[in-house]
């Protein structure tokens, strides 16, 4: 019985929330746009940090110049 009440209560609260979003869309829209902007900033920061770490890892894995075999020059 409790599960049924929780399900009905959850649907009721979901309906009220959707209705309030529709009624107050003028206030919800700037909030959602701000969340999108913050998400893009965070995503860009994470990708930037990941890219720098990949570049640093690639540089550290490169063998030193004296360990490389000499390049043959075309004649």
N, C-alpha and C. Protein backbone atom coordinates (compact mmCIF):
# COMPACT_ATOMS: atom_id res chain seq x y z
N UNK A 1 0.82 -1.20 0.00
CA UNK A 1 0.00 0.00 0.00
C UNK A 1 0.87 1.27 0.00
N UNK A 2 1.98 1.20 0.76
CA UNK A 2 2.86 2.37 0.84
C UNK A 2 3.50 2.67 -0.52
N UNK A 3 3.82 1.61 -1.26
CA UNK A 3 4.43 1.82 -2.58
C UNK A 3 3.47 2.51 -3.53
N UNK A 4 2.21 2.14 -3.46
CA UNK A 4 1.20 2.76 -4.32
C UNK A 4 1.04 4.23 -3.93
N UNK A 5 1.01 4.52 -2.63
CA UNK A 5 0.89 5.91 -2.18
C UNK A 5 2.10 6.73 -2.60
N UNK A 6 3.29 6.15 -2.49
CA UNK A 6 4.49 6.87 -2.92
C UNK A 6 4.47 7.13 -4.42
N UNK A 7 4.00 6.17 -5.20
CA UNK A 7 3.92 6.34 -6.65
C UNK A 7 2.93 7.43 -7.01
N UNK A 8 1.76 7.41 -6.39
CA UNK A 8 0.73 8.43 -6.67
C UNK A 8 1.22 9.80 -6.20
N UNK A 9 1.83 9.86 -5.03
CA UNK A 9 2.37 11.12 -4.53
C UNK A 9 3.48 11.64 -5.46
N UNK A 10 4.34 10.75 -5.93
CA UNK A 10 5.40 11.15 -6.85
C UNK A 10 4.84 11.71 -8.16
N UNK A 11 3.81 11.05 -8.69
CA UNK A 11 3.18 11.56 -9.92
C UNK A 11 2.53 12.92 -9.68
N UNK A 12 1.89 13.08 -8.52
CA UNK A 12 1.26 14.36 -8.20
C UNK A 12 2.28 15.48 -8.10
N UNK A 13 3.38 15.22 -7.40
CA UNK A 13 4.42 16.24 -7.26
C UNK A 13 5.07 16.53 -8.61
N UNK A 14 5.27 15.51 -9.44
CA UNK A 14 5.80 15.71 -10.78
C UNK A 14 4.87 16.60 -11.60
N UNK A 15 3.57 16.34 -11.53
CA UNK A 15 2.60 17.16 -12.25
C UNK A 15 2.60 18.61 -11.79
N UNK A 16 2.66 18.81 -10.47
CA UNK A 16 2.70 20.18 -9.94
C UNK A 16 3.98 20.88 -10.38
N UNK A 17 5.09 20.16 -10.37
CA UNK A 17 6.35 20.76 -10.81
C UNK A 17 6.33 21.16 -12.27
N UNK A 18 5.79 20.30 -13.12
CA UNK A 18 5.69 20.64 -14.55
C UNK A 18 4.77 21.83 -14.75
N UNK A 19 3.67 21.85 -14.01
CA UNK A 19 2.72 22.98 -14.13
C UNK A 19 3.39 24.28 -13.70
N UNK A 20 4.14 24.25 -12.62
CA UNK A 20 4.82 25.46 -12.16
C UNK A 20 5.90 25.91 -13.15
N UNK A 21 6.58 24.95 -13.78
CA UNK A 21 7.56 25.33 -14.80
C UNK A 21 6.88 26.04 -15.96
N UNK A 22 5.72 25.52 -16.37
CA UNK A 22 4.99 26.15 -17.47
C UNK A 22 4.51 27.54 -17.07
N UNK A 23 3.97 27.66 -15.86
CA UNK A 23 3.45 28.96 -15.41
C UNK A 23 4.58 29.98 -15.25
N UNK A 24 5.69 29.57 -14.65
CA UNK A 24 6.79 30.49 -14.37
C UNK A 24 7.92 30.33 -15.37
N UNK A 25 7.60 30.04 -16.63
CA UNK A 25 8.63 29.83 -17.64
C UNK A 25 9.53 31.04 -17.80
N UNK A 26 8.97 32.24 -17.62
CA UNK A 26 9.75 33.47 -17.76
C UNK A 26 10.88 33.50 -16.72
N UNK A 27 10.70 32.84 -15.59
CA UNK A 27 11.75 32.81 -14.56
C UNK A 27 12.63 31.57 -14.71
N UNK A 28 12.09 30.50 -15.27
CA UNK A 28 12.83 29.25 -15.40
C UNK A 28 13.84 29.34 -16.55
N UNK A 29 13.45 30.01 -17.63
CA UNK A 29 14.29 30.07 -18.82
C UNK A 29 15.67 30.68 -18.55
N UNK A 30 15.79 31.84 -17.87
CA UNK A 30 17.13 32.37 -17.59
C UNK A 30 17.96 31.44 -16.70
N UNK A 31 17.29 30.76 -15.76
CA UNK A 31 17.99 29.82 -14.89
C UNK A 31 18.56 28.67 -15.69
N UNK A 32 17.78 28.12 -16.62
CA UNK A 32 18.26 27.01 -17.45
C UNK A 32 19.38 27.47 -18.37
N UNK A 33 19.26 28.67 -18.91
CA UNK A 33 20.33 29.20 -19.76
C UNK A 33 21.62 29.40 -18.97
N UNK A 34 21.48 29.84 -17.72
CA UNK A 34 22.67 29.99 -16.88
C UNK A 34 23.29 28.63 -16.58
N UNK A 35 22.48 27.61 -16.36
CA UNK A 35 23.01 26.27 -16.13
C UNK A 35 23.74 25.75 -17.37
N UNK A 36 23.19 26.02 -18.54
CA UNK A 36 23.85 25.59 -19.78
C UNK A 36 25.20 26.30 -19.93
N UNK A 37 25.21 27.61 -19.65
CA UNK A 37 26.46 28.36 -19.76
C UNK A 37 27.51 27.84 -18.78
N UNK A 38 27.10 27.59 -17.54
CA UNK A 38 28.04 27.05 -16.56
C UNK A 38 28.53 25.66 -16.95
N UNK A 39 27.64 24.85 -17.49
CA UNK A 39 28.02 23.52 -17.94
C UNK A 39 29.04 23.58 -19.06
N UNK A 40 28.84 24.49 -20.01
CA UNK A 40 29.80 24.64 -21.11
C UNK A 40 31.15 25.12 -20.62
N UNK A 41 31.15 26.03 -19.65
CA UNK A 41 32.41 26.52 -19.08
C UNK A 41 33.15 25.37 -18.40
N UNK A 42 32.43 24.59 -17.61
CA UNK A 42 33.07 23.47 -16.92
C UNK A 42 33.56 22.41 -17.91
N UNK A 43 32.78 22.13 -18.94
CA UNK A 43 33.20 21.17 -19.95
C UNK A 43 34.46 21.65 -20.67
N UNK A 44 34.50 22.92 -21.03
CA UNK A 44 35.68 23.49 -21.68
C UNK A 44 36.90 23.42 -20.78
N UNK A 45 36.72 23.69 -19.50
CA UNK A 45 37.84 23.63 -18.55
C UNK A 45 38.36 22.20 -18.41
N UNK A 46 37.46 21.24 -18.32
CA UNK A 46 37.87 19.84 -18.20
C UNK A 46 38.60 19.38 -19.45
N UNK A 47 38.08 19.74 -20.63
CA UNK A 47 38.75 19.34 -21.88
C UNK A 47 40.11 20.01 -22.01
N UNK A 48 40.23 21.25 -21.58
CA UNK A 48 41.50 21.96 -21.63
C UNK A 48 42.53 21.27 -20.74
N UNK A 49 42.13 20.94 -19.52
CA UNK A 49 43.04 20.27 -18.59
C UNK A 49 43.42 18.89 -19.13
N UNK A 50 42.45 18.17 -19.68
CA UNK A 50 42.73 16.85 -20.26
C UNK A 50 43.71 16.97 -21.43
N UNK A 51 43.52 17.97 -22.27
CA UNK A 51 44.41 18.17 -23.42
C UNK A 51 45.83 18.49 -22.99
N UNK A 52 45.97 19.34 -21.97
CA UNK A 52 47.31 19.67 -21.48
C UNK A 52 47.98 18.43 -20.90
N UNK A 53 47.22 17.63 -20.15
CA UNK A 53 47.84 16.43 -19.57
C UNK A 53 48.23 15.43 -20.66
N UNK A 54 47.44 15.34 -21.72
CA UNK A 54 47.80 14.45 -22.83
C UNK A 54 49.05 14.95 -23.53
N UNK A 55 49.15 16.26 -23.75
CA UNK A 55 50.36 16.82 -24.38
C UNK A 55 51.58 16.59 -23.51
N UNK A 56 51.44 16.81 -22.21
CA UNK A 56 52.58 16.61 -21.30
C UNK A 56 52.97 15.14 -21.27
N UNK A 57 52.00 14.25 -21.32
CA UNK A 57 52.32 12.82 -21.34
C UNK A 57 53.01 12.42 -22.62
N UNK A 58 52.61 13.00 -23.74
CA UNK A 58 53.24 12.68 -25.02
C UNK A 58 54.67 13.20 -25.05
N UNK A 59 54.92 14.34 -24.46
CA UNK A 59 56.27 14.90 -24.44
C UNK A 59 57.17 14.05 -23.56
N UNK A 60 56.65 13.59 -22.42
CA UNK A 60 57.48 12.80 -21.51
C UNK A 60 57.76 11.40 -22.05
N UNK A 61 56.91 10.89 -22.93
CA UNK A 61 57.13 9.56 -23.51
C UNK A 61 58.08 9.59 -24.70
N UNK A 62 58.34 10.76 -25.24
CA UNK A 62 59.23 10.88 -26.40
C UNK A 62 60.67 10.59 -25.95
N UNK A 63 61.38 9.73 -26.66
CA UNK A 63 62.77 9.43 -26.25
C UNK A 63 63.65 10.65 -26.44
N UNK A 64 64.69 10.77 -25.63
CA UNK A 64 65.59 11.92 -25.78
C UNK A 64 66.27 11.89 -27.16
N UNK A 65 66.74 13.05 -27.65
CA UNK A 65 67.32 13.12 -29.00
C UNK A 65 68.52 12.20 -29.21
N UNK A 66 69.37 12.01 -28.21
CA UNK A 66 70.56 11.18 -28.41
C UNK A 66 70.21 9.70 -28.45
N UNK A 67 69.06 9.31 -27.97
CA UNK A 67 68.67 7.90 -27.99
C UNK A 67 68.04 7.51 -29.33
N UNK A 68 67.66 8.48 -30.11
CA UNK A 68 67.06 8.18 -31.41
C UNK A 68 68.14 7.80 -32.42
N UNK A 69 67.81 6.86 -33.33
CA UNK A 69 68.78 6.55 -34.38
C UNK A 69 68.91 7.72 -35.33
N UNK A 70 70.11 7.90 -35.91
CA UNK A 70 70.29 9.03 -36.83
C UNK A 70 69.41 8.86 -38.07
N UNK A 71 68.90 10.00 -38.51
CA UNK A 71 68.04 9.96 -39.70
C UNK A 71 68.92 9.89 -40.95
N UNK A 72 68.48 9.09 -41.89
CA UNK A 72 69.22 8.98 -43.14
C UNK A 72 68.80 10.12 -44.06
N UNK A 73 69.80 10.77 -44.64
CA UNK A 73 69.49 11.87 -45.55
C UNK A 73 69.43 11.31 -46.97
N UNK A 74 68.41 11.72 -47.73
CA UNK A 74 68.34 11.25 -49.12
C UNK A 74 69.48 11.85 -49.95
N UNK A 75 70.01 11.07 -50.84
CA UNK A 75 71.12 11.53 -51.67
C UNK A 75 70.67 12.11 -52.97
